[in-house]
Amino acid sequence: MKIGVIGLRSLQMEGGIESFCNYVYPVIIDQDHEVTFYSRKKYGGKSTWMGQKVVSLASLNFKGLETLSYSVLAVLRAILIDRIDVVHFQAIGPCLLAPLVRLAGKGVLVRHVGADWERPKWGRFGVTALKISEKFAARWAHVVVCLSVEQAEEFRDRRNPRGSVVVIPNAVPKIDPSQDTKVLSEHGIESGKYILSVSRISQEKGILELIKAYEEADLNQRGFKLAIAGSMIGKESFKPTVRRYSRDVAGVVLLGTVPRSDLPTLYGGAAIFVNASTHEGMSFSALEALSYGCECLFSNIPSNHFEVDSIRWFDSGSSESLSIEMSNLLQHDRMKDERRNSQRKQLHARYDVVKTAMRTREAIDLARNKSRAFKRSGGSET
């Protein structure tokens, strides 16, 4: 079976979709499942990955049109040239093209990561396009994967989908933290002496609230830096605001784009990992931090409520609440090995990457079988 993955930027980049592909697809790939990844030329990347083909496609460099233009080329290429059997849409953005995939007799699988239109970055056009995309996913997808039971129920209530809806959470592999002091020194930080954030630099990630909370708690005077990992490249208006604010607060270190190979050391040396998001799908960086045994402090939004009892919480959007909780955590010793091991055990019992990959493969097969059944029925719904 040939699977086409549409929606990523580059497999070498950090991001939720890219993390999903890097963690889950190596387990899915086998002699019965051949995968083609459709990436975007502007972000670079290799032409092969894990023995599978990577097709880099052009896109329009305009806000709101990049995903659509890339998706059109990806779907046409998948249908007409690569003869893909199942198209695996990552997120709902590219699902405006789902009817075309169905009309071509291909299986349609959508990984729905949440109500993207609620993110502050989208204007009226973007919000409308994303809501239409979700309607198309509900109408045309053979299978829609949601990340939680609550999200699946909301999606069913909102759209009454015609296809199957299954729940498959994100997951991360078991990787041990690293103590490579050279990596930390290159980033200007010291093990055990920094608070870490790893995320896309955008408004809903709570980056400004995190910097403000760090300043309010006067943590620089207590010897702790705030290390923020995330690309600062791009035209988004929010990024210059983060740059200006970080320059005004002593102790803030903008790490920029961090190689995936540096993450084990960054997580391993953090005094606290903070996820300050006001809107998330299901954060891979939060899962990674839990997997590496970090002391974790998360905003109390529903998608951050992982089934791990060691997580600490603060009120989403409140720099005051975050400041208090960070200060309280740093007054105590680092997490003991027994509690760290218990945290990792709980995480991987619930968010196991092999289980997620196997269930994703089952969803792919289900989408393929449904498309075949539709053909055999002569084009009537089954």
Protein backbone atom coordinates (compact mmCIF):
# COMPACT_ATOMS: atom_id res chain seq x y z
CA MET A 1 0.00 0.00 0.00
CA LYS A 2 1.23 3.47 -0.87
CA ILE A 3 0.65 6.20 1.73
CA GLY A 4 1.06 9.92 1.07
CA VAL A 5 1.67 12.21 4.05
CA ILE A 6 0.54 15.79 3.41
CA GLY A 7 0.86 18.77 5.74
CA LEU A 8 4.43 18.85 7.01
CA ARG A 9 7.04 21.51 6.32
CA SER A 10 10.29 19.51 6.55
CA LEU A 11 11.17 16.31 8.37
CA GLN A 12 14.32 18.03 9.63
CA MET A 13 12.35 20.81 11.36
CA GLU A 14 10.84 20.96 14.84
CA GLY A 15 7.04 21.03 15.06
CA GLY A 16 4.09 18.88 16.03
CA ILE A 17 3.53 17.35 12.60
CA GLU A 18 7.23 16.82 12.07
CA SER A 19 7.59 15.19 15.50
CA PHE A 20 4.67 12.89 14.73
CA CYS A 21 6.31 11.77 11.49
CA ASN A 22 9.73 11.34 13.10
CA TYR A 23 8.42 9.31 16.03
CA VAL A 24 5.48 7.36 14.62
CA TYR A 25 6.19 6.64 10.96
CA PRO A 26 9.41 4.63 11.50
CA VAL A 27 7.22 2.04 13.24
CA ILE A 28 4.51 2.14 10.54
CA ILE A 29 6.86 1.61 7.60
CA ASP A 30 7.16 -2.01 6.56
CA GLN A 31 7.06 -4.12 3.41
CA ASP A 32 3.29 -3.57 3.12
CA HIS A 33 3.32 0.20 3.78
CA GLU A 34 5.38 2.40 1.46
CA VAL A 35 5.33 6.08 2.39
CA THR A 36 5.86 9.29 0.41
CA PHE A 37 6.27 12.48 2.44
CA TYR A 38 5.28 15.76 0.76
CA SER A 39 7.31 18.61 2.24
CA ARG A 40 7.72 22.28 1.33
CA LYS A 41 10.71 23.34 -0.73
CA LYS A 42 11.18 26.65 1.13
CA TYR A 43 12.11 24.77 4.33
CA GLY A 44 14.71 22.52 2.71
CA GLY A 45 15.33 18.91 3.61
CA LYS A 46 16.48 15.62 2.13
CA SER A 47 14.96 13.69 -0.79
CA THR A 48 14.77 10.43 1.15
CA TRP A 49 14.09 9.55 4.79
CA MET A 50 14.12 6.12 6.43
CA GLY A 51 14.34 4.65 2.94
CA GLN A 52 11.15 6.45 1.87
CA LYS A 53 10.67 9.15 -0.75
CA VAL A 54 10.40 12.83 0.22
CA VAL A 55 8.94 15.16 -2.42
CA SER A 56 9.67 18.88 -1.91
CA LEU A 57 7.02 21.14 -3.43
CA ALA A 58 6.77 24.85 -4.07
CA SER A 59 4.30 27.06 -2.22
CA LEU A 60 3.16 30.66 -2.32
CA ASN A 61 4.98 32.76 0.25
CA PHE A 62 1.87 34.58 1.47
CA LYS A 63 0.12 34.18 4.82
CA GLY A 64 -2.96 32.01 4.39
CA LEU A 65 -1.94 30.76 0.93
CA GLU A 66 1.21 28.78 1.70
CA THR A 67 -0.60 25.68 2.99
CA LEU A 68 -3.31 25.80 0.33
CA SER A 69 -0.91 26.18 -2.62
CA TYR A 70 1.38 23.45 -1.33
CA SER A 71 -1.59 21.15 -0.64
CA VAL A 72 -2.93 21.52 -4.18
CA LEU A 73 0.41 20.46 -5.65
CA ALA A 74 0.82 17.65 -3.11
CA VAL A 75 -2.61 16.14 -3.81
CA LEU A 76 -2.21 16.37 -7.58
CA ARG A 77 1.23 14.79 -7.36
CA ALA A 78 -0.03 12.03 -5.04
CA ILE A 79 -2.96 11.16 -7.30
CA LEU A 80 -1.52 11.60 -10.79
CA ILE A 81 2.15 10.68 -10.46
CA ASP A 82 2.80 8.70 -7.28
CA ARG A 83 -0.46 6.71 -7.43
CA ILE A 84 -0.97 6.91 -3.67
CA ASP A 85 -3.58 4.57 -2.13
CA VAL A 86 -4.24 6.54 1.08
CA VAL A 87 -3.62 10.24 1.70
CA HIS A 88 -2.82 10.99 5.34
CA PHE A 89 -3.64 14.65 5.94
CA GLN A 90 -1.79 16.12 8.92
CA ALA A 91 -4.21 18.60 10.54
CA ILE A 92 -7.34 19.99 8.90
CA GLY A 93 -5.72 22.81 6.92
CA PRO A 94 -5.07 20.76 3.74
CA CYS A 95 -8.52 19.08 3.90
CA LEU A 96 -10.00 21.55 1.40
CA LEU A 97 -8.54 19.05 -1.09
CA ALA A 98 -10.19 16.00 0.53
CA PRO A 99 -13.07 15.87 -2.00
CA LEU A 100 -10.56 15.62 -4.86
CA VAL A 101 -8.83 12.69 -3.17
CA ARG A 102 -12.15 10.92 -2.65
CA LEU A 103 -13.22 11.51 -6.25
CA ALA A 104 -9.95 9.90 -7.36
CA GLY A 105 -10.95 6.77 -5.43
CA LYS A 106 -8.24 7.10 -2.78
CA GLY A 107 -8.48 6.57 0.96
CA VAL A 108 -8.67 9.74 3.08
CA LEU A 109 -7.27 9.77 6.62
CA VAL A 110 -7.17 13.00 8.63
CA ARG A 111 -5.17 13.55 11.80
CA HIS A 112 -7.22 16.26 13.52
CA VAL A 113 -5.09 18.05 16.13
CA GLY A 114 -7.74 20.50 17.33
CA ALA A 115 -9.62 23.69 16.51
CA ASP A 116 -6.77 25.52 14.78
CA TRP A 117 -8.98 28.52 13.98
CA GLU A 118 -8.88 29.46 17.68
CA ARG A 119 -5.22 30.41 17.39
CA PRO A 120 -4.78 34.22 17.56
CA LYS A 121 -2.64 34.34 14.40
CA TRP A 122 -5.57 33.68 12.05
CA GLY A 123 -7.58 36.54 10.56
CA ARG A 124 -11.14 36.28 9.26
CA PHE A 125 -10.09 34.59 6.02
CA GLY A 126 -7.94 32.00 7.81
CA VAL A 127 -10.64 31.22 10.39
CA THR A 128 -13.25 30.74 7.65
CA ALA A 129 -10.96 28.54 5.56
CA LEU A 130 -10.10 26.31 8.54
CA LYS A 131 -13.74 25.87 9.53
CA ILE A 132 -14.61 24.90 5.94
CA SER A 133 -11.65 22.50 5.96
CA GLU A 134 -13.04 20.82 9.06
CA LYS A 135 -16.45 20.50 7.39
CA PHE A 136 -14.76 18.87 4.41
CA ALA A 137 -12.89 16.50 6.73
CA ALA A 138 -16.18 15.49 8.33
CA ARG A 139 -17.89 15.00 4.97
CA TRP A 140 -15.14 13.40 2.89
CA ALA A 141 -12.66 11.61 5.17
CA HIS A 142 -12.99 7.87 5.54
CA VAL A 143 -11.31 8.10 8.96
CA VAL A 144 -10.63 11.06 11.27
CA VAL A 145 -8.14 10.61 14.10
CA CYS A 146 -8.61 12.80 17.18
CA LEU A 147 -6.06 13.07 19.98
CA SER A 148 -8.43 12.64 22.93
CA VAL A 149 -11.91 11.36 23.76
CA GLU A 150 -13.04 14.91 24.60
CA GLN A 151 -11.84 16.26 21.26
CA ALA A 152 -13.54 13.40 19.40
CA GLU A 153 -16.85 14.08 21.17
CA GLU A 154 -16.64 17.80 20.36
CA PHE A 155 -15.88 17.02 16.71
CA ARG A 156 -18.81 14.60 16.45
CA ASP A 157 -21.19 17.11 18.06
CA ARG A 158 -19.98 19.97 15.88
CA ARG A 159 -19.78 18.25 12.48
CA ASN A 160 -21.65 14.91 12.58
CA PRO A 161 -18.92 13.19 10.50
CA ARG A 162 -19.83 10.52 7.95
CA GLY A 163 -16.63 8.52 8.33
CA SER A 164 -15.13 6.72 11.31
CA VAL A 165 -13.74 8.75 14.22
CA VAL A 166 -11.00 7.12 16.28
CA VAL A 167 -8.93 8.37 19.22
CA ILE A 168 -5.15 7.99 19.00
CA PRO A 169 -3.05 10.18 21.33
CA ASN A 170 0.37 11.54 20.46
CA ALA A 171 3.30 9.61 21.89
CA VAL A 172 7.08 9.75 22.16
CA PRO A 173 9.75 7.03 22.29
CA LYS A 174 11.81 6.15 25.34
CA ILE A 175 15.00 8.19 25.11
CA ASP A 176 17.43 8.78 27.98
CA PRO A 177 18.44 12.36 28.82
CA SER A 178 21.98 13.45 28.03
CA GLN A 179 24.54 15.33 30.13
CA ASP A 180 26.59 16.84 27.29
CA THR A 181 27.89 19.98 28.99
CA LYS A 182 29.41 21.19 25.72
CA VAL A 183 25.95 21.59 24.20
CA LEU A 184 24.78 23.62 27.20
CA SER A 185 27.85 25.84 27.19
CA GLU A 186 27.37 26.54 23.49
CA HIS A 187 23.88 27.82 24.34
CA GLY A 188 25.18 29.86 27.28
CA ILE A 189 23.40 27.91 30.02
CA GLU A 190 24.38 25.61 32.90
CA SER A 191 22.84 22.30 33.95
CA GLY A 192 20.25 22.69 36.68
CA LYS A 193 20.30 26.48 36.37
CA TYR A 194 17.68 27.23 33.74
CA ILE A 195 13.96 27.05 33.05
CA LEU A 196 13.26 25.57 29.62
CA SER A 197 10.55 26.24 27.05
CA VAL A 198 10.45 24.40 23.71
CA SER A 199 7.75 25.55 21.30
CA ARG A 200 6.83 27.45 18.20
CA ILE A 201 7.22 31.18 18.84
CA SER A 202 3.62 32.32 18.52
CA GLN A 203 1.11 34.15 20.68
CA GLU A 204 -0.87 31.14 21.89
CA LYS A 205 2.29 29.51 23.30
CA GLY A 206 2.32 32.00 26.20
CA ILE A 207 5.93 33.07 25.61
CA LEU A 208 5.42 36.69 26.71
CA GLU A 209 3.56 35.56 29.84
CA LEU A 210 6.46 33.20 30.62
CA ILE A 211 9.06 35.97 30.28
CA LYS A 212 6.94 38.28 32.44
CA ALA A 213 6.52 35.59 35.11
CA TYR A 214 10.27 34.93 35.09
CA GLU A 215 10.90 38.66 35.60
CA GLU A 216 8.26 38.96 38.34
CA ALA A 217 9.77 36.05 40.28
CA ASP A 218 13.23 37.68 40.03
CA LEU A 219 14.69 34.31 39.07
CA ASN A 220 17.76 35.77 37.37
CA GLN A 221 18.88 37.13 40.75
CA ARG A 222 18.49 33.61 42.13
CA GLY A 223 20.85 32.24 39.48
CA PHE A 224 18.35 30.77 37.01
CA LYS A 225 18.17 31.67 33.33
CA LEU A 226 15.14 31.29 31.06
CA ALA A 227 16.03 29.33 27.92
CA ILE A 228 13.48 29.55 25.10
CA ALA A 229 13.94 27.15 22.17
CA GLY A 230 12.02 27.91 18.99
CA SER A 231 12.64 29.37 15.57
CA MET A 232 12.92 33.17 15.48
CA ILE A 233 13.06 33.15 11.68
CA GLY A 234 9.98 34.41 9.84
CA LYS A 235 7.82 37.44 9.18
CA GLU A 236 5.30 36.91 11.99
CA SER A 237 4.74 40.19 13.87
CA PHE A 238 4.83 38.40 17.24
CA LYS A 239 8.49 37.37 16.96
CA PRO A 240 9.95 40.93 17.03
CA THR A 241 7.85 41.54 20.16
CA VAL A 242 9.45 38.52 21.82
CA ARG A 243 12.92 39.70 20.78
CA ARG A 244 12.35 43.19 22.21
CA TYR A 245 10.89 41.90 25.46
CA SER A 246 13.66 39.32 25.94
CA ARG A 247 16.33 42.03 25.52
CA ASP A 248 14.76 44.03 28.34
CA VAL A 249 14.71 41.12 30.83
CA ALA A 250 18.08 39.96 32.16
CA GLY A 251 18.62 36.20 32.05
CA VAL A 252 16.40 35.42 29.06
CA VAL A 253 18.22 33.35 26.41
CA LEU A 254 16.62 32.88 22.99
CA LEU A 255 18.07 29.63 21.67
CA GLY A 256 16.41 29.91 18.26
CA THR A 257 16.10 26.76 16.15
CA VAL A 258 17.63 23.89 18.11
CA PRO A 259 18.90 20.73 16.36
CA ARG A 260 16.90 17.66 17.33
CA SER A 261 20.16 16.09 18.52
CA ASP A 262 20.55 18.81 21.20
CA LEU A 263 17.14 18.22 22.80
CA PRO A 264 18.15 15.31 25.11
CA THR A 265 20.76 17.56 26.72
CA LEU A 266 18.47 20.58 26.98
CA TYR A 267 15.70 18.56 28.60
CA GLY A 268 18.15 16.66 30.79
CA GLY A 269 19.70 19.81 32.26
CA ALA A 270 16.53 21.85 32.87
CA ALA A 271 15.57 22.75 36.43
CA ILE A 272 11.96 23.12 35.23
CA PHE A 273 10.25 22.63 31.89
CA VAL A 274 7.34 25.01 31.31
CA ASN A 275 4.49 24.73 28.81
CA ALA A 276 2.66 28.06 29.05
CA SER A 277 0.29 27.58 26.10
CA THR A 278 -3.23 28.96 26.07
CA HIS A 279 -4.09 26.73 23.09
CA GLU A 280 -2.63 23.35 22.14
CA GLY A 281 -3.40 20.18 20.26
CA MET A 282 -1.35 17.72 22.30
CA SER A 283 2.13 19.11 22.79
CA PHE A 284 5.01 16.88 21.72
CA SER A 285 7.48 19.03 23.68
CA ALA A 286 5.41 18.48 26.84
CA LEU A 287 5.43 14.72 26.21
CA GLU A 288 9.18 14.84 25.54
CA ALA A 289 9.83 16.73 28.77
CA LEU A 290 7.84 14.16 30.76
CA SER A 291 9.67 11.35 28.99
CA TYR A 292 13.07 12.82 29.86
CA GLY A 293 12.05 13.07 33.51
CA CYS A 294 11.85 16.88 33.72
CA GLU A 295 10.11 18.67 36.56
CA CYS A 296 7.10 19.89 34.54
CA LEU A 297 4.91 22.95 35.03
CA PHE A 298 1.99 23.22 32.58
CA SER A 299 -0.85 25.65 31.96
CA ASN A 300 -4.14 24.08 33.02
CA ILE A 301 -5.73 23.90 29.57
CA PRO A 302 -7.56 20.61 28.81
CA SER A 303 -5.02 19.35 26.25
CA ASN A 304 -2.21 19.63 28.83
CA HIS A 305 -3.94 17.25 31.26
CA PHE A 306 -1.82 14.20 30.62
CA GLU A 307 -2.40 11.15 32.80
CA VAL A 308 0.81 11.65 34.77
CA ASP A 309 0.50 12.57 38.45
CA SER A 310 3.82 14.43 38.86
CA ILE A 311 2.78 17.44 36.70
CA ARG A 312 2.39 20.83 38.41
CA TRP A 313 -0.15 23.36 37.14
CA PHE A 314 -0.73 27.10 36.88
CA ASP A 315 -3.65 29.19 35.65
CA SER A 316 -3.48 29.56 31.88
CA GLY A 317 -2.73 33.10 30.72
CA SER A 318 -1.79 34.30 34.21
CA SER A 319 1.82 35.43 34.57
CA GLU A 320 1.19 35.92 38.31
CA SER A 321 0.12 32.30 38.81
CA LEU A 322 3.05 31.08 36.69
CA SER A 323 5.49 33.26 38.62
CA ILE A 324 4.32 31.87 41.96
CA GLU A 325 4.46 28.24 40.83
CA MET A 326 7.93 28.58 39.25
CA SER A 327 9.24 30.23 42.39
CA ASN A 328 7.76 27.51 44.61
CA LEU A 329 9.24 24.70 42.51
CA LEU A 330 12.71 26.22 42.52
CA GLN A 331 12.72 26.47 46.31
CA HIS A 332 12.86 22.67 46.53
CA ASP A 333 15.46 20.13 45.44
CA ARG A 334 15.42 18.67 41.93
CA MET A 335 13.13 15.73 41.28
CA LYS A 336 14.49 12.55 42.88
CA ASP A 337 15.31 9.57 40.65
CA GLU A 338 12.50 7.45 42.10
CA ARG A 339 9.86 10.05 41.23
CA ARG A 340 11.50 10.72 37.86
CA ASN A 341 11.39 7.02 36.96
CA SER A 342 7.77 6.78 38.11
CA GLN A 343 6.87 9.75 35.88
CA ARG A 344 8.51 8.16 32.84
CA LYS A 345 6.84 4.81 33.54
CA GLN A 346 3.40 6.43 33.79
CA LEU A 347 3.93 8.41 30.61
CA HIS A 348 4.97 5.49 28.43
CA ALA A 349 2.24 3.24 29.80
CA ARG A 350 -0.33 5.72 28.50
CA TYR A 351 1.48 7.39 25.57
CA ASP A 352 3.47 4.54 24.04
CA VAL A 353 4.81 5.32 20.57
CA VAL A 354 4.55 1.72 19.34
CA LYS A 355 0.88 1.52 20.36
CA THR A 356 0.18 4.86 18.67
CA ALA A 357 1.96 3.72 15.50
CA MET A 358 0.08 0.40 15.39
CA ARG A 359 -3.26 2.13 15.86
CA THR A 360 -2.33 4.67 13.19
CA ARG A 361 -1.48 1.84 10.82
CA GLU A 362 -4.89 0.30 11.57
CA ALA A 363 -6.52 3.66 10.75
CA ILE A 364 -4.60 3.79 7.45
CA ASP A 365 -5.74 0.27 6.58
CA LEU A 366 -9.33 1.15 7.53
CA ALA A 367 -9.29 4.19 5.23
CA ARG A 368 -7.98 2.00 2.40
CA ASN A 369 -10.60 -0.69 2.99
CA LYS A 370 -13.41 1.88 3.10
CA SER A 371 -12.28 3.38 -0.22
CA ARG A 372 -12.22 -0.08 -1.80
CA ALA A 373 -15.67 -0.89 -0.43
CA PHE A 374 -16.98 2.35 -1.93
CA LYS A 375 -15.61 1.34 -5.34
CA ARG A 376 -17.11 -2.15 -5.11
CA SER A 377 -20.50 -0.71 -4.22
CA GLY A 378 -20.52 1.23 -7.48
CA GLY A 379 -20.10 4.62 -5.83
CA SER A 380 -22.84 4.51 -3.19
CA GLU A 381 -22.10 5.14 0.47
CA THR A 382 -21.48 2.03 2.56
